[in-house]
Amino acid sequence: MALAHSKAEYYTHTHLPPHQNYVVLTPYYPPFNRNRCRIFCTVLLILLAATVFFLWPCNPDVKIMRFKLNRVHVHTFPRVAVDISIFVTVKVRNTDVYSMDYAFLDVGVGYRGKRLGHVRSESGHVTSRGSSYVDAVLEFDGVELLSDVVFLLEDLAKGTVPFDTVTEIKGHLGVYILQVPLMAKVSCEVLVNTVNQTIAHQNCYAG
C-alpha cells in the first residue's frame, strides 16, 4: 500500500503599523493672561523711561541775579574811552540728583554788540538740587566805544542801560563713581536800571 505524503507549508504574517496622523499642540494662553502680560510690559517700559529721564544728567541753570554799575567815566582825551566798573551776582542752580563741581565760571559783558571784557571765578561745588551764588567785579578801563559813547550817554540819561552777558561754566557731575563732564553757556540781554541799580528786564537763552 502506498503511503501518501502531505507537505505542510507555513506562512509568517507581519503586521504593519497603521497610517498615523501627528498633531502639534501649541501652548494655549487665555486672553486674560495675554492682556495682563501686555499691561505689565507697558508699565515696565514707562517706569524705565521715567527712571532714565529722572537720572539723566543735564546742564545747570545759570542766571544773572544782580547787575550793578559801580562807576562809569567817559574820557575824551587823548581818545574817547570809557571806564566801567560792574558788580555781578550769578546764580548757579544744579537741577540734577548728583552733586556738581565746576572748574571755573566765566562772565563776559558787552554793550551794543561790543565785548567790554570778562572775569573768571575760581572753582566751586554745588550740592544735589542746590544753588550757589557767585559774586564778581568787572573793571574795564579805557574801553574804546567810539560812536557808541553817544548811545551810552543817552542810556545813562534815560536811566536804563542794555548790556549783553555771556556766562560759561565748566565742570563735572559726580555720578556715583563716575565723573560726567559738563559745559554750559548762557547768553543774556540785561536791561539795568541805573537809578535803583536793579535788573529791569532779562532775556536769556542757551548758547
N, C-alpha and C. Protein backbone atom coordinates (compact mmCIF):
# COMPACT_ATOMS: atom_id res chain seq x y z
N MET A 1 0.89 -1.19 0.00
CA MET A 1 0.00 0.00 0.00
C MET A 1 0.91 1.21 0.00
N ALA A 2 0.59 2.06 -0.85
CA ALA A 2 1.43 3.26 -0.92
C ALA A 2 0.93 4.30 0.08
N LEU A 3 1.92 4.92 0.76
CA LEU A 3 1.58 5.97 1.74
C LEU A 3 1.60 7.33 1.05
N ALA A 4 0.58 8.10 1.37
CA ALA A 4 0.53 9.47 0.78
C ALA A 4 1.26 10.43 1.71
N HIS A 5 2.16 11.11 1.11
CA HIS A 5 2.93 12.11 1.90
C HIS A 5 2.29 13.50 1.74
N SER A 6 2.04 14.15 2.82
CA SER A 6 1.49 15.53 2.76
C SER A 6 2.58 16.55 3.08
N LYS A 7 2.58 17.58 2.38
CA LYS A 7 3.58 18.65 2.57
C LYS A 7 2.90 19.87 3.21
N ALA A 8 3.43 20.22 4.34
CA ALA A 8 2.83 21.39 5.04
C ALA A 8 3.64 22.64 4.73
N GLU A 9 2.98 23.69 4.47
CA GLU A 9 3.63 24.99 4.21
C GLU A 9 3.23 25.97 5.32
N TYR A 10 4.22 26.68 5.79
CA TYR A 10 3.99 27.64 6.89
C TYR A 10 4.24 29.07 6.36
N TYR A 11 3.34 29.97 6.67
CA TYR A 11 3.45 31.37 6.23
C TYR A 11 3.53 32.27 7.47
N THR A 12 4.47 33.19 7.46
CA THR A 12 4.63 34.15 8.57
C THR A 12 4.02 35.49 8.15
N HIS A 13 3.11 36.04 8.95
CA HIS A 13 2.45 37.31 8.63
C HIS A 13 3.01 38.42 9.53
N THR A 14 3.47 39.50 8.94
CA THR A 14 3.98 40.67 9.69
C THR A 14 2.92 41.75 9.69
N HIS A 15 2.59 42.27 10.87
CA HIS A 15 1.55 43.32 10.99
C HIS A 15 2.20 44.69 10.81
N LEU A 16 1.88 45.39 9.78
CA LEU A 16 2.40 46.74 9.54
C LEU A 16 1.61 47.76 10.38
N PRO A 17 2.34 48.74 10.88
CA PRO A 17 1.62 49.77 11.68
C PRO A 17 0.68 50.57 10.80
N PRO A 18 -0.41 50.87 11.32
CA PRO A 18 -1.38 51.65 10.52
C PRO A 18 -0.85 53.07 10.26
N HIS A 19 -1.43 53.73 9.28
CA HIS A 19 -1.06 55.11 8.97
C HIS A 19 -1.40 56.04 10.15
N GLN A 20 -0.38 56.82 10.56
CA GLN A 20 -0.57 57.66 11.74
C GLN A 20 -0.61 59.12 11.33
N ASN A 21 -1.44 59.93 11.99
CA ASN A 21 -1.51 61.39 11.83
C ASN A 21 -0.99 62.06 13.09
N TYR A 22 -0.07 63.05 12.90
CA TYR A 22 0.53 63.74 14.03
C TYR A 22 -0.07 65.15 14.13
N VAL A 23 -0.42 65.53 15.30
CA VAL A 23 -0.98 66.85 15.57
C VAL A 23 -0.06 67.58 16.55
N VAL A 24 0.45 68.78 16.15
CA VAL A 24 1.33 69.58 17.01
C VAL A 24 0.48 70.55 17.81
N LEU A 25 0.60 70.43 19.10
CA LEU A 25 -0.18 71.27 20.00
C LEU A 25 0.67 72.42 20.49
N THR A 26 0.20 73.64 20.38
CA THR A 26 0.88 74.84 20.88
C THR A 26 0.27 75.23 22.22
N PRO A 27 1.11 75.89 23.07
CA PRO A 27 0.56 76.30 24.38
C PRO A 27 -0.60 77.25 24.20
N TYR A 28 -1.54 77.11 25.00
CA TYR A 28 -2.73 77.95 24.94
C TYR A 28 -2.69 78.96 26.09
N TYR A 29 -2.76 80.22 25.71
CA TYR A 29 -2.77 81.28 26.70
C TYR A 29 -4.15 81.92 26.69
N PRO A 30 -4.77 81.90 27.79
CA PRO A 30 -6.09 82.56 27.84
C PRO A 30 -5.96 84.05 27.55
N PRO A 31 -6.97 84.65 26.97
CA PRO A 31 -6.92 86.09 26.67
C PRO A 31 -6.61 86.94 27.90
N PHE A 32 -7.05 86.53 29.04
CA PHE A 32 -6.80 87.32 30.25
C PHE A 32 -5.31 87.40 30.55
N ASN A 33 -4.59 86.28 30.40
CA ASN A 33 -3.16 86.26 30.67
C ASN A 33 -2.39 87.11 29.66
N ARG A 34 -2.81 87.07 28.39
CA ARG A 34 -2.13 87.87 27.37
C ARG A 34 -2.30 89.36 27.65
N ASN A 35 -3.48 89.78 28.01
CA ASN A 35 -3.71 91.19 28.32
C ASN A 35 -2.90 91.63 29.54
N ARG A 36 -2.84 90.76 30.53
CA ARG A 36 -2.08 91.10 31.73
C ARG A 36 -0.59 91.23 31.42
N CYS A 37 -0.08 90.39 30.52
CA CYS A 37 1.33 90.47 30.12
C CYS A 37 1.61 91.77 29.38
N ARG A 38 0.68 92.17 28.50
CA ARG A 38 0.86 93.44 27.77
C ARG A 38 0.86 94.63 28.72
N ILE A 39 -0.05 94.62 29.66
CA ILE A 39 -0.12 95.73 30.63
C ILE A 39 1.15 95.80 31.47
N PHE A 40 1.64 94.64 31.88
CA PHE A 40 2.86 94.60 32.69
C PHE A 40 4.06 95.15 31.90
N CYS A 41 4.18 94.74 30.62
CA CYS A 41 5.30 95.23 29.80
C CYS A 41 5.20 96.73 29.56
N THR A 42 3.98 97.23 29.35
CA THR A 42 3.79 98.66 29.13
C THR A 42 4.17 99.47 30.36
N VAL A 43 3.72 99.03 31.54
CA VAL A 43 4.06 99.72 32.79
C VAL A 43 5.56 99.68 33.03
N LEU A 44 6.18 98.53 32.73
CA LEU A 44 7.63 98.40 32.93
C LEU A 44 8.40 99.36 32.03
N LEU A 45 7.98 99.51 30.78
CA LEU A 45 8.64 100.45 29.87
C LEU A 45 8.46 101.90 30.33
N ILE A 46 7.26 102.22 30.82
CA ILE A 46 7.02 103.59 31.31
C ILE A 46 7.90 103.89 32.51
N LEU A 47 8.01 102.95 33.43
CA LEU A 47 8.86 103.14 34.61
C LEU A 47 10.32 103.27 34.22
N LEU A 48 10.76 102.49 33.25
CA LEU A 48 12.15 102.57 32.79
C LEU A 48 12.43 103.91 32.14
N ALA A 49 11.50 104.38 31.31
CA ALA A 49 11.68 105.69 30.66
C ALA A 49 11.69 106.81 31.69
N ALA A 50 10.82 106.74 32.70
CA ALA A 50 10.78 107.77 33.75
C ALA A 50 12.07 107.76 34.56
N THR A 51 12.60 106.58 34.83
CA THR A 51 13.85 106.50 35.60
C THR A 51 15.01 107.10 34.83
N VAL A 52 15.10 106.78 33.53
CA VAL A 52 16.16 107.35 32.70
C VAL A 52 16.03 108.87 32.62
N PHE A 53 14.79 109.35 32.45
CA PHE A 53 14.57 110.80 32.37
C PHE A 53 14.95 111.49 33.68
N PHE A 54 14.64 110.85 34.80
CA PHE A 54 14.91 111.46 36.11
C PHE A 54 16.40 111.45 36.43
N LEU A 55 17.09 110.40 36.04
CA LEU A 55 18.51 110.26 36.40
C LEU A 55 19.46 110.76 35.32
N TRP A 56 18.94 111.14 34.16
CA TRP A 56 19.82 111.58 33.07
C TRP A 56 20.44 112.93 33.42
N PRO A 57 21.78 113.05 33.35
CA PRO A 57 22.42 114.33 33.72
C PRO A 57 22.03 115.44 32.75
N CYS A 58 21.92 116.65 33.26
CA CYS A 58 21.63 117.82 32.43
C CYS A 58 22.45 119.00 32.92
N ASN A 59 22.54 120.02 32.08
CA ASN A 59 23.35 121.19 32.40
C ASN A 59 22.68 122.03 33.48
N PRO A 60 23.48 122.76 34.25
CA PRO A 60 22.90 123.59 35.31
C PRO A 60 22.22 124.84 34.74
N ASP A 61 21.35 125.42 35.55
CA ASP A 61 20.70 126.68 35.20
C ASP A 61 21.57 127.84 35.70
N VAL A 62 21.85 128.78 34.81
CA VAL A 62 22.68 129.94 35.15
C VAL A 62 21.86 131.20 34.91
N LYS A 63 21.85 132.09 35.90
CA LYS A 63 21.05 133.31 35.79
C LYS A 63 21.77 134.46 36.48
N ILE A 64 21.68 135.64 35.84
CA ILE A 64 22.22 136.86 36.43
C ILE A 64 21.21 137.38 37.46
N MET A 65 21.61 137.40 38.73
CA MET A 65 20.72 137.83 39.80
C MET A 65 20.88 139.31 40.13
N ARG A 66 22.10 139.82 39.95
CA ARG A 66 22.34 141.23 40.27
C ARG A 66 23.35 141.80 39.29
N PHE A 67 23.09 143.03 38.85
CA PHE A 67 23.96 143.71 37.90
C PHE A 67 24.00 145.20 38.30
N LYS A 68 25.09 145.58 38.90
CA LYS A 68 25.17 146.94 39.45
C LYS A 68 26.31 147.69 38.80
N LEU A 69 26.00 148.89 38.32
CA LEU A 69 27.03 149.77 37.77
C LEU A 69 27.65 150.57 38.91
N ASN A 70 28.89 150.21 39.27
CA ASN A 70 29.58 150.94 40.34
C ASN A 70 30.11 152.28 39.87
N ARG A 71 30.62 152.29 38.63
CA ARG A 71 31.26 153.52 38.15
C ARG A 71 31.27 153.54 36.63
N VAL A 72 30.95 154.70 36.06
CA VAL A 72 31.05 154.92 34.62
C VAL A 72 31.69 156.28 34.41
N HIS A 73 32.84 156.29 33.74
CA HIS A 73 33.55 157.54 33.50
C HIS A 73 33.99 157.60 32.04
N VAL A 74 33.65 158.68 31.36
CA VAL A 74 33.95 158.86 29.94
C VAL A 74 35.15 159.78 29.80
N HIS A 75 36.15 159.32 29.03
CA HIS A 75 37.34 160.12 28.72
C HIS A 75 37.22 160.64 27.28
N THR A 76 37.61 161.88 27.08
CA THR A 76 37.61 162.47 25.74
C THR A 76 39.02 162.77 25.24
N PHE A 77 40.01 162.66 26.15
CA PHE A 77 41.40 162.95 25.77
C PHE A 77 42.32 161.90 26.39
N PRO A 78 43.27 161.38 25.69
CA PRO A 78 43.66 161.67 24.28
C PRO A 78 42.76 161.00 23.25
N ARG A 79 41.88 160.08 23.71
CA ARG A 79 40.93 159.43 22.82
C ARG A 79 39.64 159.19 23.61
N VAL A 80 38.58 158.97 22.88
CA VAL A 80 37.30 158.71 23.53
C VAL A 80 37.29 157.28 24.08
N ALA A 81 37.17 157.16 25.38
CA ALA A 81 37.17 155.85 26.04
C ALA A 81 36.31 155.92 27.29
N VAL A 82 35.99 154.75 27.80
CA VAL A 82 35.09 154.66 28.95
C VAL A 82 35.71 153.73 29.99
N ASP A 83 35.63 154.16 31.26
CA ASP A 83 35.98 153.30 32.39
C ASP A 83 34.69 152.84 33.05
N ILE A 84 34.53 151.53 33.16
CA ILE A 84 33.29 150.96 33.71
C ILE A 84 33.64 149.95 34.79
N SER A 85 32.94 150.05 35.91
CA SER A 85 33.07 149.08 37.00
C SER A 85 31.69 148.47 37.25
N ILE A 86 31.61 147.15 37.19
CA ILE A 86 30.33 146.46 37.31
C ILE A 86 30.43 145.37 38.37
N PHE A 87 29.41 145.30 39.21
CA PHE A 87 29.29 144.23 40.19
C PHE A 87 28.19 143.27 39.74
N VAL A 88 28.53 141.98 39.62
CA VAL A 88 27.60 140.99 39.09
C VAL A 88 27.48 139.83 40.08
N THR A 89 26.24 139.36 40.28
CA THR A 89 25.98 138.15 41.06
C THR A 89 25.31 137.14 40.15
N VAL A 90 25.94 135.96 40.04
CA VAL A 90 25.45 134.90 39.18
C VAL A 90 24.94 133.74 40.04
N LYS A 91 23.77 133.25 39.72
CA LYS A 91 23.20 132.09 40.42
C LYS A 91 23.37 130.84 39.57
N VAL A 92 23.97 129.82 40.17
CA VAL A 92 24.14 128.53 39.51
C VAL A 92 23.27 127.52 40.25
N ARG A 93 22.27 126.99 39.56
CA ARG A 93 21.36 126.03 40.17
C ARG A 93 21.55 124.64 39.57
N ASN A 94 21.84 123.68 40.43
CA ASN A 94 22.04 122.30 40.00
C ASN A 94 20.70 121.57 40.03
N THR A 95 20.18 121.20 38.87
CA THR A 95 18.88 120.54 38.78
C THR A 95 18.98 119.02 38.85
N ASP A 96 20.18 118.48 38.94
CA ASP A 96 20.37 117.03 38.95
C ASP A 96 20.33 116.47 40.37
N VAL A 97 20.22 115.15 40.44
CA VAL A 97 20.26 114.45 41.72
C VAL A 97 21.69 114.14 42.13
N TYR A 98 22.65 114.56 41.31
CA TYR A 98 24.07 114.36 41.62
C TYR A 98 24.69 115.70 42.00
N SER A 99 25.75 115.65 42.77
CA SER A 99 26.47 116.87 43.11
C SER A 99 27.29 117.34 41.91
N MET A 100 27.64 118.61 41.92
CA MET A 100 28.34 119.20 40.78
C MET A 100 29.56 119.98 41.27
N ASP A 101 30.67 119.81 40.60
CA ASP A 101 31.89 120.57 40.85
C ASP A 101 32.26 121.28 39.56
N TYR A 102 32.38 122.62 39.63
CA TYR A 102 32.76 123.36 38.43
C TYR A 102 34.19 123.89 38.58
N ALA A 103 34.92 123.83 37.47
CA ALA A 103 36.32 124.27 37.47
C ALA A 103 36.42 125.79 37.41
N PHE A 104 35.50 126.41 36.66
CA PHE A 104 35.51 127.87 36.57
C PHE A 104 34.14 128.36 36.14
N LEU A 105 33.90 129.64 36.39
CA LEU A 105 32.70 130.33 35.94
C LEU A 105 33.17 131.63 35.30
N ASP A 106 32.92 131.77 34.02
CA ASP A 106 33.40 132.92 33.25
C ASP A 106 32.21 133.79 32.86
N VAL A 107 32.30 135.08 33.19
CA VAL A 107 31.23 136.04 32.88
C VAL A 107 31.80 137.12 31.97
N GLY A 108 31.24 137.24 30.75
CA GLY A 108 31.62 138.29 29.83
C GLY A 108 30.50 139.30 29.67
N VAL A 109 30.88 140.57 29.52
CA VAL A 109 29.90 141.65 29.41
C VAL A 109 30.18 142.45 28.14
N GLY A 110 29.10 142.78 27.44
CA GLY A 110 29.22 143.59 26.24
C GLY A 110 28.16 144.68 26.23
N TYR A 111 28.37 145.65 25.33
CA TYR A 111 27.42 146.76 25.19
C TYR A 111 27.19 147.01 23.71
N ARG A 112 25.94 146.85 23.29
CA ARG A 112 25.54 147.06 21.89
C ARG A 112 26.43 146.27 20.92
N GLY A 113 26.64 145.01 21.24
CA GLY A 113 27.40 144.14 20.36
C GLY A 113 28.90 144.17 20.53
N LYS A 114 29.43 145.12 21.32
CA LYS A 114 30.88 145.21 21.55
C LYS A 114 31.23 144.60 22.89
N ARG A 115 32.15 143.65 22.88
CA ARG A 115 32.56 142.98 24.11
C ARG A 115 33.45 143.91 24.93
N LEU A 116 33.06 144.15 26.16
CA LEU A 116 33.84 145.02 27.05
C LEU A 116 34.95 144.25 27.74
N GLY A 117 34.69 143.04 28.16
CA GLY A 117 35.67 142.23 28.87
C GLY A 117 34.98 141.10 29.61
N HIS A 118 35.77 140.37 30.39
CA HIS A 118 35.20 139.25 31.13
C HIS A 118 36.00 139.03 32.40
N VAL A 119 35.42 138.24 33.29
CA VAL A 119 36.09 137.88 34.54
C VAL A 119 35.81 136.40 34.80
N ARG A 120 36.78 135.71 35.39
CA ARG A 120 36.66 134.27 35.65
C ARG A 120 36.81 134.01 37.14
N SER A 121 35.84 133.27 37.68
CA SER A 121 35.87 132.96 39.11
C SER A 121 36.64 131.67 39.35
N GLU A 122 36.83 131.35 40.62
CA GLU A 122 37.51 130.12 40.99
C GLU A 122 36.53 128.95 40.96
N SER A 123 37.06 127.77 41.25
CA SER A 123 36.23 126.57 41.24
C SER A 123 35.25 126.58 42.41
N GLY A 124 34.22 125.75 42.30
CA GLY A 124 33.20 125.69 43.34
C GLY A 124 32.47 124.36 43.34
N HIS A 125 31.61 124.19 44.32
CA HIS A 125 30.84 122.95 44.49
C HIS A 125 29.38 123.30 44.73
N VAL A 126 28.49 122.55 44.06
CA VAL A 126 27.05 122.74 44.22
C VAL A 126 26.44 121.38 44.56
N THR A 127 25.70 121.34 45.64
CA THR A 127 25.11 120.08 46.08
C THR A 127 23.96 119.67 45.16
N SER A 128 23.47 118.45 45.36
CA SER A 128 22.35 117.95 44.58
C SER A 128 21.11 118.81 44.81
N ARG A 129 20.48 119.24 43.72
CA ARG A 129 19.28 120.09 43.78
C ARG A 129 19.53 121.39 44.53
N GLY A 130 20.80 121.80 44.59
CA GLY A 130 21.14 123.01 45.34
C GLY A 130 21.52 124.16 44.42
N SER A 131 21.83 125.30 45.02
CA SER A 131 22.20 126.51 44.28
C SER A 131 23.43 127.14 44.91
N SER A 132 24.16 127.86 44.08
CA SER A 132 25.35 128.57 44.54
C SER A 132 25.35 129.97 43.92
N TYR A 133 25.76 130.95 44.69
CA TYR A 133 25.81 132.34 44.22
C TYR A 133 27.28 132.76 44.11
N VAL A 134 27.62 133.31 42.95
CA VAL A 134 28.99 133.73 42.68
C VAL A 134 28.99 135.23 42.43
N ASP A 135 29.79 135.96 43.22
CA ASP A 135 29.93 137.41 43.05
C ASP A 135 31.21 137.71 42.26
N ALA A 136 31.10 138.68 41.37
CA ALA A 136 32.25 139.05 40.54
C ALA A 136 32.23 140.56 40.31
N VAL A 137 33.42 141.13 40.27
CA VAL A 137 33.58 142.56 39.97
C VAL A 137 34.36 142.68 38.67
N LEU A 138 33.76 143.38 37.72
CA LEU A 138 34.40 143.57 36.42
C LEU A 138 34.86 145.02 36.30
N GLU A 139 36.16 145.20 36.07
CA GLU A 139 36.75 146.52 35.92
C GLU A 139 37.24 146.68 34.50
N PHE A 140 36.62 147.60 33.75
CA PHE A 140 37.02 147.87 32.38
C PHE A 140 37.53 149.31 32.31
N ASP A 141 38.79 149.46 32.02
CA ASP A 141 39.41 150.78 31.95
C ASP A 141 39.87 151.06 30.52
N GLY A 142 39.50 152.24 30.03
CA GLY A 142 39.94 152.67 28.70
C GLY A 142 39.31 151.89 27.57
N VAL A 143 38.05 151.53 27.71
CA VAL A 143 37.36 150.80 26.64
C VAL A 143 36.93 151.79 25.56
N GLU A 144 37.36 151.56 24.33
CA GLU A 144 37.03 152.45 23.23
C GLU A 144 35.68 152.05 22.63
N LEU A 145 34.71 152.90 22.83
CA LEU A 145 33.38 152.67 22.28
C LEU A 145 33.09 153.53 21.07
N LEU A 146 33.92 154.54 20.82
CA LEU A 146 33.78 155.41 19.66
C LEU A 146 32.36 155.95 19.55
N SER A 147 31.64 155.60 18.47
CA SER A 147 30.31 156.18 18.26
C SER A 147 29.30 155.71 19.29
N ASP A 148 29.57 154.57 19.96
CA ASP A 148 28.62 154.07 20.95
C ASP A 148 28.63 154.88 22.23
N VAL A 149 29.61 155.76 22.39
CA VAL A 149 29.64 156.60 23.60
C VAL A 149 28.41 157.48 23.64
N VAL A 150 27.96 157.95 22.50
CA VAL A 150 26.76 158.80 22.45
C VAL A 150 25.56 158.02 22.94
N PHE A 151 25.43 156.77 22.48
CA PHE A 151 24.31 155.94 22.93
C PHE A 151 24.42 155.62 24.42
N LEU A 152 25.64 155.43 24.91
CA LEU A 152 25.82 155.15 26.33
C LEU A 152 25.39 156.36 27.17
N LEU A 153 25.77 157.54 26.75
CA LEU A 153 25.36 158.75 27.50
C LEU A 153 23.84 158.91 27.46
N GLU A 154 23.22 158.60 26.31
CA GLU A 154 21.77 158.70 26.21
C GLU A 154 21.09 157.68 27.13
N ASP A 155 21.64 156.46 27.17
CA ASP A 155 21.06 155.43 28.03
C ASP A 155 21.20 155.79 29.50
N LEU A 156 22.36 156.35 29.86
CA LEU A 156 22.55 156.77 31.24
C LEU A 156 21.59 157.90 31.61
N ALA A 157 21.33 158.79 30.67
CA ALA A 157 20.40 159.89 30.94
C ALA A 157 18.97 159.36 31.09
N LYS A 158 18.62 158.30 30.34
CA LYS A 158 17.28 157.71 30.45
C LYS A 158 17.12 156.87 31.72
N GLY A 159 18.24 156.43 32.26
CA GLY A 159 18.19 155.64 33.49
C GLY A 159 18.16 154.14 33.27
N THR A 160 18.27 153.69 32.01
CA THR A 160 18.32 152.25 31.70
C THR A 160 19.41 152.01 30.66
N VAL A 161 20.25 151.01 30.92
CA VAL A 161 21.36 150.69 30.02
C VAL A 161 21.26 149.21 29.65
N PRO A 162 21.21 148.87 28.34
CA PRO A 162 21.17 147.46 27.94
C PRO A 162 22.58 146.87 27.85
N PHE A 163 22.78 145.73 28.45
CA PHE A 163 24.05 145.02 28.39
C PHE A 163 23.82 143.61 27.87
N ASP A 164 24.87 143.06 27.30
CA ASP A 164 24.87 141.66 26.87
C ASP A 164 25.85 140.90 27.76
N THR A 165 25.41 139.76 28.27
CA THR A 165 26.27 138.93 29.10
C THR A 165 26.35 137.52 28.52
N VAL A 166 27.52 136.93 28.64
CA VAL A 166 27.74 135.54 28.25
C VAL A 166 28.41 134.84 29.43
N THR A 167 27.72 133.87 29.99
CA THR A 167 28.22 133.14 31.16
C THR A 167 28.53 131.71 30.75
N GLU A 168 29.75 131.28 31.02
CA GLU A 168 30.18 129.92 30.72
C GLU A 168 30.61 129.23 32.00
N ILE A 169 30.24 127.97 32.11
CA ILE A 169 30.60 127.17 33.28
C ILE A 169 31.08 125.81 32.79
N LYS A 170 32.15 125.32 33.40
CA LYS A 170 32.72 124.03 33.01
C LYS A 170 33.07 123.25 34.26
N GLY A 171 32.71 121.98 34.28
CA GLY A 171 33.00 121.15 35.45
C GLY A 171 32.58 119.72 35.18
N HIS A 172 32.10 119.04 36.22
CA HIS A 172 31.67 117.66 36.08
C HIS A 172 30.65 117.33 37.15
N LEU A 173 29.84 116.31 36.86
CA LEU A 173 28.86 115.78 37.81
C LEU A 173 29.40 114.50 38.43
N GLY A 174 29.19 114.34 39.73
CA GLY A 174 29.62 113.13 40.42
C GLY A 174 28.53 112.08 40.37
N VAL A 175 28.52 111.26 39.29
CA VAL A 175 27.52 110.21 39.13
C VAL A 175 28.10 108.92 39.71
N TYR A 176 27.78 108.68 40.97
CA TYR A 176 28.30 107.52 41.69
C TYR A 176 29.83 107.54 41.63
N ILE A 177 30.46 106.54 41.00
CA ILE A 177 31.92 106.52 40.93
C ILE A 177 32.44 107.17 39.66
N LEU A 178 31.52 107.64 38.81
CA LEU A 178 31.91 108.27 37.55
C LEU A 178 31.88 109.79 37.67
N GLN A 179 32.60 110.44 36.76
CA GLN A 179 32.58 111.88 36.67
C GLN A 179 32.16 112.26 35.26
N VAL A 180 30.93 112.76 35.14
CA VAL A 180 30.37 113.13 33.85
C VAL A 180 30.69 114.59 33.56
N PRO A 181 31.45 114.88 32.49
CA PRO A 181 31.80 116.27 32.20
C PRO A 181 30.57 117.08 31.78
N LEU A 182 30.60 118.36 32.13
CA LEU A 182 29.51 119.25 31.73
C LEU A 182 30.08 120.59 31.33
N MET A 183 29.39 121.24 30.43
CA MET A 183 29.76 122.59 30.00
C MET A 183 28.50 123.30 29.55
N ALA A 184 28.25 124.46 30.10
CA ALA A 184 27.05 125.21 29.77
C ALA A 184 27.44 126.64 29.40
N LYS A 185 26.67 127.20 28.47
CA LYS A 185 26.89 128.57 28.03
C LYS A 185 25.54 129.25 27.90
N VAL A 186 25.38 130.36 28.60
CA VAL A 186 24.11 131.09 28.61
C VAL A 186 24.36 132.54 28.23
N SER A 187 23.61 133.01 27.24
CA SER A 187 23.69 134.41 26.81
C SER A 187 22.44 135.14 27.27
N CYS A 188 22.64 136.35 27.79
CA CYS A 188 21.52 137.13 28.34
C CYS A 188 21.56 138.56 27.82
N GLU A 189 20.38 139.11 27.62
CA GLU A 189 20.21 140.53 27.37
C GLU A 189 19.65 141.14 28.64
N VAL A 190 20.45 141.98 29.27
CA VAL A 190 20.10 142.52 30.58
C VAL A 190 19.88 144.03 30.46
N LEU A 191 18.71 144.47 30.90
CA LEU A 191 18.41 145.90 30.95
C LEU A 191 18.54 146.36 32.39
N VAL A 192 19.52 147.23 32.64
CA VAL A 192 19.85 147.65 34.00
C VAL A 192 19.25 149.02 34.28
N ASN A 193 18.55 149.12 35.40
CA ASN A 193 18.03 150.39 35.87
C ASN A 193 19.12 151.06 36.70
N THR A 194 19.66 152.16 36.19
CA THR A 194 20.77 152.82 36.87
C THR A 194 20.31 153.69 38.05
N VAL A 195 19.02 153.90 38.18
CA VAL A 195 18.51 154.72 39.28
C VAL A 195 18.53 153.94 40.59
N ASN A 196 17.93 152.73 40.57
CA ASN A 196 17.90 151.91 41.78
C ASN A 196 18.84 150.71 41.70
N GLN A 197 19.66 150.63 40.63
CA GLN A 197 20.66 149.59 40.45
C GLN A 197 20.05 148.18 40.51
N THR A 198 19.00 147.99 39.75
CA THR A 198 18.34 146.68 39.68
C THR A 198 18.23 146.27 38.21
N ILE A 199 17.90 145.02 37.99
CA ILE A 199 17.69 144.49 36.66
C ILE A 199 16.22 144.69 36.28
N ALA A 200 15.97 145.57 35.31
CA ALA A 200 14.60 145.86 34.89
C ALA A 200 14.03 144.75 34.03
N HIS A 201 14.88 144.13 33.23
CA HIS A 201 14.43 143.05 32.34
C HIS A 201 15.63 142.18 31.98
N GLN A 202 15.33 140.87 31.80
CA GLN A 202 16.39 139.93 31.44
C GLN A 202 15.82 138.86 30.53
N ASN A 203 16.50 138.63 29.43
CA ASN A 203 16.11 137.60 28.47
C ASN A 203 17.34 136.72 28.20
N CYS A 204 17.26 135.44 28.59
CA CYS A 204 18.40 134.55 28.49
C CYS A 204 18.06 133.37 27.57
N TYR A 205 19.07 132.83 26.94
CA TYR A 205 18.92 131.66 26.08
C TYR A 205 20.25 130.91 26.07
N ALA A 206 20.17 129.61 25.85
CA ALA A 206 21.37 128.78 25.85
C ALA A 206 22.18 129.00 24.57
N GLY A 207 23.51 128.92 24.72
CA GLY A 207 24.39 129.06 23.56
C GLY A 207 24.88 130.48 23.37
